[in-house]
Amino acid sequence: MKKIAEIWYVPLEELVTQCYISEDTIRTGYKRGSQHWQSIVDPADRRRRLIRYDTMATKYQSVVRRALCGGLEPWEVATKKSYEVLSERYSLPELLEQVLQDGYRRYLGLYPASDTSRDAEHSQKSLARAAAVVELLGAYIREREIKESSYAPYDEAINWLESDGNYEFYFPKKYLPCHRVRLKEKVVQRFGKPGVDPQPITDVIKLPREGNKSRDKFKSDEELNAWLVIARLESGTPDQYVVRKIQEVCRVVGREVPSNSWFVQAINDPKIRRLTADSRHGVGTKLAGRYKHSISMARAMYAGDCWMMDATRVNFIAHQASKTSKEQASLFVIAIRDAYSGDIVGVHFDTKEDRWGYANALKMAAKSTGYLPHTLVYDRFPGHITDEMQSILGAMERKGVQLICTHKATGKALLERWFDTLQTVFLSRSKYYYGQGITSTRTYAHRSPEHLLKVTKEAKLEGWDFDKAWQEAWKRIEEYRQTPVSYYSKKHTGLDISPATLHAQSEKPNVIPIEIWEEASLFWMTKIFKLERPVIRQTVHGQEYEYHIYDNELMNRESIAIRYEEADPTRIMLFGVGVDGRVSDHCLGELEHSTKITMYGPGAEKSRLAGRMEKIDQFQDRDKAELERITSAATYSPEYLLSMNRFLPKEEQESNESRLIYAQMGLVVESESHRPANAKDKTAKPKPLPTSSEVPDTAGWINKSFYNQ
């Protein structure tokens, strides 16, 4: 036989002369292109034709093995000859090492992998190595003519395999017996002995339980599989408990009881593990998440494209809740992170997570950046559906911000991963850091109890309270903001710039700029006052504040709304109030808190008093000018003015009455009050009265007077 390009061929003349196969059968087969008689011309002698061995029919292959190979496969004969040659020059351990490192590859074709997985590859290599060891031991024993009853070569082989971890390294799947009796049985099965015929190597070394159909029988049992799935749906139930209960039920109802190995295989079935992952491990957990689809998302392109908002507990030891209480509290941080630059634009510290903390964090972010983001991502934090929070979020949405409320950690994965970076890189620098959460399985996740006890005692002596806790946390966050990304990131090793600088230098084409009055309408406290006096008074945190109004137009309003920062009420912004009581977003102006003026002593503030009085005078002058402007446009009739006598000066009342009387007499006398206001001459002398000869007789028209009509 001849090997060409790893394929075994049999010369045509050997098939005819030694195997006694008809030459006509062979020639007719390869001329007609039969798949069982594939042939090539011998490259060494083109007059000869070679027949491919592995495509021949099974009955002809067995004839070839008996006639030409002594009952062995062609590659087994070649291996046996090479082992016989090698055994003369090398010891058994050296031969084993050569075979297990490279010589086993010729047996890989006998054990094709069931699939492309790593587990199937390990099985294939383990089977090929086991076959190579059995072939080597058989050839070694025959070549050295070792007695059949001797266990010396088997002990030598096992000792070498068990030393230095060779067995675990070369046989990840335990397909080669590691006991001298069992190993000898395999060699005897392969090479035979008096009264025992040799068997092919594929019958000696094979997969465990190959051909066992009991698993297939239970695999098709739908009710049994249903019990298994229902039992695994219960979270926290051990697998062995599930196995025992199902076996017990099978005995009670008289069903055949599956073995433990069947249950192990069924429980580890990928389909069962995937279908029961959410119920057994919990939705969103690490073990259940491996079976979920993921979507690759492109990151933000500019600063301000997206803000992510969430809260977490700061991993510092507990601090004293108050100076008068022994209760301990933990620090929480509410952070707003820019998705592009990674900069922390807003933050709030507290001992709890509520809507006011999120409002303060948003306020800080808008104030520090001067804009609102294109998109805001947040979760269902405590109080997110309250009127106060919905008012802020609704106002942001009306200004163009896209809101995304998610209940999954994957919805804001960048912020969740930042919390881990903050803990492992920056918070761990603090001596008050106690380690990661209780669910973390990292080797460095938790500090020793002795260390925590020592730090707790030191912190108590140092007066570790809320103020020191949040200042320490803010210090670590600022360190993150000013540290180049390449310092701690393997992914961005070439980014030698800090998140704060990256945010400042980035373009911001998609943000929504806001002015100070828009910030006030979003985040400041709001109150409504009735304008009865030109001063607004309010009390904040027990302190009274006054704001004087010197704008005449503002005093024309019935009521007005003020907005102020609770932390700094010295400045307020004024907004209009509609007829429906809703506060407008249109800013009317600003007012500053006016402190009381010191009148006496060396610190008397006379200049402030003069300035205040000047503003008041200007305010009153504008009111007078406005009143004159209104009254100067009116044209008075004598009758109308007479009816309003109680509103006029006495001299004007008398002049009007006289004019009315003369008008009844047929005389026209101009009244001072009838002139335009700007044309009055207050110093003018009164008109002379008519003489007696000019006075008409009134007897005839007195009943026709104005009062008798």
Foldseek 3Di string as FASTA:
>chain_A
DDADPNFDWDWLVCCCPQLVDDSVVQVVCVVVPHQQFPWDQPPVDNVIIITTQVRHDPVSNQSCCVRPVVVADPVLSVLLVVLLVVLVPDDPLVVLVVCLVPVLVSCLVVQDFPDDDPVSVLVSQQLSSQLSSLSNVLSNCVSVVPDLPDLVSVVVVLVSCPPPVNVCVSRVPPQHDSDSVLNSVLSCCQPPDVVHHHDYSCVSGDDPPVPPCPLVVVVPVVVLLVQLLVVQLAAPDDLVVSLVVSQVVCVVVVHDRDDPVSSVCSCPDPVSCQVNVCSHPNPQDPSNCVSDDDDDDDFDDFWQQEKEKDKDWQQFPWAQADPVDRDTATKMKIFIATRPLRATQFMFIDRDWALLRVLRRVLSNCVRPQFHGQEYEYEDTHHCPPPLNCLLVVLVVVLRHHYHYDHHCVSVVVVVVVVVVLLPPQSVVDLRRAFADPPDPDPRRGDDPVSNVVVVVVCVVVNGHDVNVVVSSVVSSVVQQAAFPLVPDPVPVPGRGGSVVRNVPTDRPRIGGDDPLSSQSNRFDKDKDFQPDQKDWDAAPRDIFIWGHLDLVVSVDGMWMWTAHSVDRQKIWIFHADPVRDTDSDTPGMTGTDDDAACDDPRGDVVVVVVVVVSVVVSVVVVVVVVLVVVLVDQDDLVRCQVVVVVDDPVQNVQSVVQLVVVLQVDHDDGQVRDGPVPHDPPDDDDDDDDPVPRDDCPVCPCVGPVND
